[in-house]
Amino acid sequence: MLIIDDLLLAPFKGLYWIGKEIHKAVLTEQVSQREAITTALSELYMELETGRIDEAEFDTREAELLDALDRLQEPSQDGA
């Protein structure tokens, strides 16, 4: 009886596994994007401190990066 159960449930187990793998890939991509944004923010602060950019350009680019970071965090807050 267990072999028949395994055969009947195999497609559903496969779909469940695929769903889990997709979810893991999405989470990995989100972490990667967050790290890239925080790295860009650090570089932006360094550019401001060294005088390579002015305050206006800094404010514009910082707002863009912070908005991108907020957009990444919104879906995880809705799902929690």
N, C-alpha and C. Protein backbone atom coordinates (compact mmCIF):
# COMPACT_ATOMS: atom_id res chain seq x y z
N MET A 1 0.81 -1.19 0.00
CA MET A 1 0.00 0.00 0.00
C MET A 1 0.86 1.26 0.00
N LEU A 2 2.03 1.21 0.62
CA LEU A 2 2.89 2.38 0.70
C LEU A 2 3.47 2.74 -0.66
N ILE A 3 3.73 1.74 -1.50
CA ILE A 3 4.28 2.02 -2.82
C ILE A 3 3.24 2.76 -3.66
N ILE A 4 1.99 2.35 -3.56
CA ILE A 4 0.93 3.02 -4.31
C ILE A 4 0.78 4.45 -3.82
N ASP A 5 0.84 4.67 -2.52
CA ASP A 5 0.75 6.02 -1.96
C ASP A 5 1.89 6.89 -2.47
N ASP A 6 3.10 6.32 -2.49
CA ASP A 6 4.25 7.07 -2.99
C ASP A 6 4.08 7.43 -4.46
N LEU A 7 3.56 6.51 -5.25
CA LEU A 7 3.36 6.78 -6.68
C LEU A 7 2.30 7.85 -6.89
N LEU A 8 1.24 7.81 -6.11
CA LEU A 8 0.17 8.79 -6.27
C LEU A 8 0.60 10.19 -5.79
N LEU A 9 1.44 10.25 -4.78
CA LEU A 9 1.85 11.53 -4.22
C LEU A 9 3.11 12.10 -4.87
N ALA A 10 3.78 11.33 -5.71
CA ALA A 10 5.04 11.79 -6.32
C ALA A 10 4.90 13.11 -7.06
N PRO A 11 3.88 13.30 -7.90
CA PRO A 11 3.78 14.61 -8.60
C PRO A 11 3.62 15.78 -7.63
N PHE A 12 2.89 15.59 -6.55
CA PHE A 12 2.68 16.66 -5.58
C PHE A 12 3.95 16.95 -4.79
N LYS A 13 4.68 15.89 -4.47
CA LYS A 13 5.95 16.09 -3.78
C LYS A 13 6.94 16.82 -4.68
N GLY A 14 6.91 16.50 -5.97
CA GLY A 14 7.78 17.18 -6.93
C GLY A 14 7.45 18.65 -7.04
N LEU A 15 6.16 18.96 -7.12
CA LEU A 15 5.75 20.37 -7.18
C LEU A 15 6.12 21.11 -5.90
N TYR A 16 5.97 20.46 -4.78
CA TYR A 16 6.33 21.07 -3.50
C TYR A 16 7.83 21.37 -3.46
N TRP A 17 8.64 20.42 -3.93
CA TRP A 17 10.09 20.61 -3.95
C TRP A 17 10.47 21.77 -4.88
N ILE A 18 9.83 21.84 -6.04
CA ILE A 18 10.10 22.94 -6.98
C ILE A 18 9.74 24.28 -6.34
N GLY A 19 8.61 24.34 -5.66
CA GLY A 19 8.20 25.56 -4.98
C GLY A 19 9.21 25.99 -3.93
N LYS A 20 9.70 25.02 -3.15
CA LYS A 20 10.71 25.33 -2.13
C LYS A 20 11.99 25.86 -2.76
N GLU A 21 12.42 25.27 -3.86
CA GLU A 21 13.64 25.70 -4.53
C GLU A 21 13.50 27.12 -5.10
N ILE A 22 12.33 27.41 -5.67
CA ILE A 22 12.08 28.76 -6.19
C ILE A 22 12.10 29.77 -5.05
N HIS A 23 11.48 29.42 -3.93
CA HIS A 23 11.46 30.31 -2.77
C HIS A 23 12.87 30.58 -2.26
N LYS A 24 13.69 29.54 -2.19
CA LYS A 24 15.08 29.72 -1.75
C LYS A 24 15.85 30.62 -2.71
N ALA A 25 15.62 30.45 -4.01
CA ALA A 25 16.31 31.27 -5.00
C ALA A 25 15.90 32.74 -4.89
N VAL A 26 14.63 32.98 -4.65
CA VAL A 26 14.14 34.35 -4.50
C VAL A 26 14.76 34.99 -3.25
N LEU A 27 14.80 34.27 -2.15
CA LEU A 27 15.40 34.80 -0.93
C LEU A 27 16.88 35.10 -1.12
N THR A 28 17.58 34.22 -1.81
CA THR A 28 19.00 34.44 -2.07
C THR A 28 19.20 35.68 -2.92
N GLU A 29 18.36 35.87 -3.92
CA GLU A 29 18.45 37.04 -4.79
C GLU A 29 18.17 38.32 -4.01
N GLN A 30 17.19 38.29 -3.11
CA GLN A 30 16.88 39.47 -2.31
C GLN A 30 18.05 39.83 -1.40
N VAL A 31 18.66 38.84 -0.79
CA VAL A 31 19.83 39.11 0.07
C VAL A 31 20.95 39.71 -0.76
N SER A 32 21.17 39.18 -1.94
CA SER A 32 22.22 39.69 -2.82
C SER A 32 21.95 41.14 -3.21
N GLN A 33 20.71 41.46 -3.53
CA GLN A 33 20.35 42.82 -3.89
C GLN A 33 20.52 43.77 -2.71
N ARG A 34 20.12 43.33 -1.51
CA ARG A 34 20.30 44.18 -0.33
C ARG A 34 21.76 44.47 -0.08
N GLU A 35 22.60 43.45 -0.22
CA GLU A 35 24.04 43.65 -0.02
C GLU A 35 24.61 44.61 -1.06
N ALA A 36 24.15 44.51 -2.29
CA ALA A 36 24.63 45.41 -3.34
C ALA A 36 24.22 46.84 -3.05
N ILE A 37 23.01 47.03 -2.57
CA ILE A 37 22.53 48.38 -2.26
C ILE A 37 23.29 48.97 -1.08
N THR A 38 23.51 48.18 -0.04
CA THR A 38 24.25 48.70 1.12
C THR A 38 25.70 49.01 0.75
N THR A 39 26.28 48.22 -0.13
CA THR A 39 27.63 48.50 -0.62
C THR A 39 27.65 49.80 -1.40
N ALA A 40 26.64 50.00 -2.25
CA ALA A 40 26.55 51.24 -3.03
C ALA A 40 26.36 52.44 -2.10
N LEU A 41 25.59 52.27 -1.04
CA LEU A 41 25.42 53.36 -0.07
C LEU A 41 26.75 53.70 0.61
N SER A 42 27.50 52.69 0.99
CA SER A 42 28.80 52.92 1.62
C SER A 42 29.73 53.67 0.67
N GLU A 43 29.75 53.26 -0.58
CA GLU A 43 30.59 53.93 -1.56
C GLU A 43 30.13 55.38 -1.77
N LEU A 44 28.82 55.58 -1.73
CA LEU A 44 28.27 56.92 -1.91
C LEU A 44 28.71 57.84 -0.76
N TYR A 45 28.65 57.34 0.46
CA TYR A 45 29.11 58.13 1.61
C TYR A 45 30.59 58.45 1.48
N MET A 46 31.38 57.50 1.00
CA MET A 46 32.81 57.73 0.83
C MET A 46 33.05 58.80 -0.23
N GLU A 47 32.28 58.76 -1.31
CA GLU A 47 32.43 59.78 -2.36
C GLU A 47 32.11 61.17 -1.82
N LEU A 48 31.09 61.25 -0.97
CA LEU A 48 30.74 62.55 -0.38
C LEU A 48 31.86 63.03 0.55
N GLU A 49 32.37 62.15 1.37
CA GLU A 49 33.42 62.53 2.32
C GLU A 49 34.71 62.94 1.63
N THR A 50 35.01 62.32 0.49
CA THR A 50 36.24 62.67 -0.23
C THR A 50 36.04 63.85 -1.17
N GLY A 51 34.82 64.33 -1.30
CA GLY A 51 34.55 65.50 -2.12
C GLY A 51 34.37 65.22 -3.60
N ARG A 52 34.24 63.97 -3.98
CA ARG A 52 34.05 63.64 -5.40
C ARG A 52 32.66 63.99 -5.89
N ILE A 53 31.69 64.05 -4.99
CA ILE A 53 30.33 64.48 -5.35
C ILE A 53 29.89 65.56 -4.38
N ASP A 54 28.93 66.37 -4.81
CA ASP A 54 28.42 67.42 -3.93
C ASP A 54 27.19 66.92 -3.16
N GLU A 55 26.71 67.74 -2.27
CA GLU A 55 25.61 67.37 -1.39
C GLU A 55 24.31 67.07 -2.16
N ALA A 56 24.04 67.84 -3.21
CA ALA A 56 22.81 67.66 -3.99
C ALA A 56 22.82 66.30 -4.70
N GLU A 57 23.94 65.96 -5.33
CA GLU A 57 24.03 64.67 -6.01
C GLU A 57 23.94 63.52 -5.00
N PHE A 58 24.58 63.72 -3.85
CA PHE A 58 24.52 62.71 -2.80
C PHE A 58 23.08 62.46 -2.37
N ASP A 59 22.34 63.56 -2.12
CA ASP A 59 20.95 63.41 -1.67
C ASP A 59 20.10 62.67 -2.69
N THR A 60 20.29 62.99 -3.96
CA THR A 60 19.51 62.35 -5.02
C THR A 60 19.81 60.86 -5.10
N ARG A 61 21.10 60.52 -5.14
CA ARG A 61 21.49 59.11 -5.26
C ARG A 61 21.15 58.32 -4.00
N GLU A 62 21.28 58.96 -2.84
CA GLU A 62 20.94 58.28 -1.59
C GLU A 62 19.44 57.97 -1.54
N ALA A 63 18.62 58.92 -1.96
CA ALA A 63 17.17 58.69 -1.97
C ALA A 63 16.81 57.52 -2.89
N GLU A 64 17.45 57.44 -4.05
CA GLU A 64 17.18 56.35 -4.98
C GLU A 64 17.55 55.00 -4.36
N LEU A 65 18.72 54.95 -3.73
CA LEU A 65 19.17 53.69 -3.12
C LEU A 65 18.29 53.29 -1.94
N LEU A 66 17.91 54.25 -1.12
CA LEU A 66 17.06 53.95 0.02
C LEU A 66 15.66 53.51 -0.43
N ASP A 67 15.15 54.12 -1.50
CA ASP A 67 13.86 53.68 -2.05
C ASP A 67 13.94 52.25 -2.55
N ALA A 68 15.04 51.92 -3.22
CA ALA A 68 15.22 50.55 -3.72
C ALA A 68 15.29 49.57 -2.56
N LEU A 69 15.97 49.96 -1.49
CA LEU A 69 16.07 49.10 -0.32
C LEU A 69 14.70 48.92 0.34
N ASP A 70 13.92 49.99 0.40
CA ASP A 70 12.56 49.89 0.96
C ASP A 70 11.68 48.97 0.12
N ARG A 71 11.80 49.06 -1.21
CA ARG A 71 11.00 48.19 -2.07
C ARG A 71 11.34 46.72 -1.86
N LEU A 72 12.60 46.44 -1.59
CA LEU A 72 13.00 45.05 -1.33
C LEU A 72 12.43 44.55 -0.01
N GLN A 73 12.29 45.41 0.97
CA GLN A 73 11.85 44.98 2.28
C GLN A 73 10.33 44.93 2.40
N GLU A 74 9.60 45.62 1.55
CA GLU A 74 8.13 45.63 1.64
C GLU A 74 7.49 44.25 1.50
N PRO A 75 7.84 43.45 0.48
CA PRO A 75 7.18 42.15 0.35
C PRO A 75 7.42 41.24 1.56
N SER A 76 8.61 41.29 2.15
CA SER A 76 8.88 40.42 3.28
C SER A 76 8.08 40.83 4.50
N GLN A 77 7.75 42.11 4.62
CA GLN A 77 6.94 42.57 5.74
C GLN A 77 5.47 42.20 5.54
N ASP A 78 5.00 42.22 4.28
CA ASP A 78 3.61 41.83 4.01
C ASP A 78 3.38 40.35 4.26
N GLY A 79 4.37 39.54 3.95
CA GLY A 79 4.24 38.10 4.12
C GLY A 79 4.41 37.65 5.55
N ALA A 80 4.94 38.50 6.40
CA ALA A 80 5.20 38.10 7.80
C ALA A 80 3.99 38.25 8.67
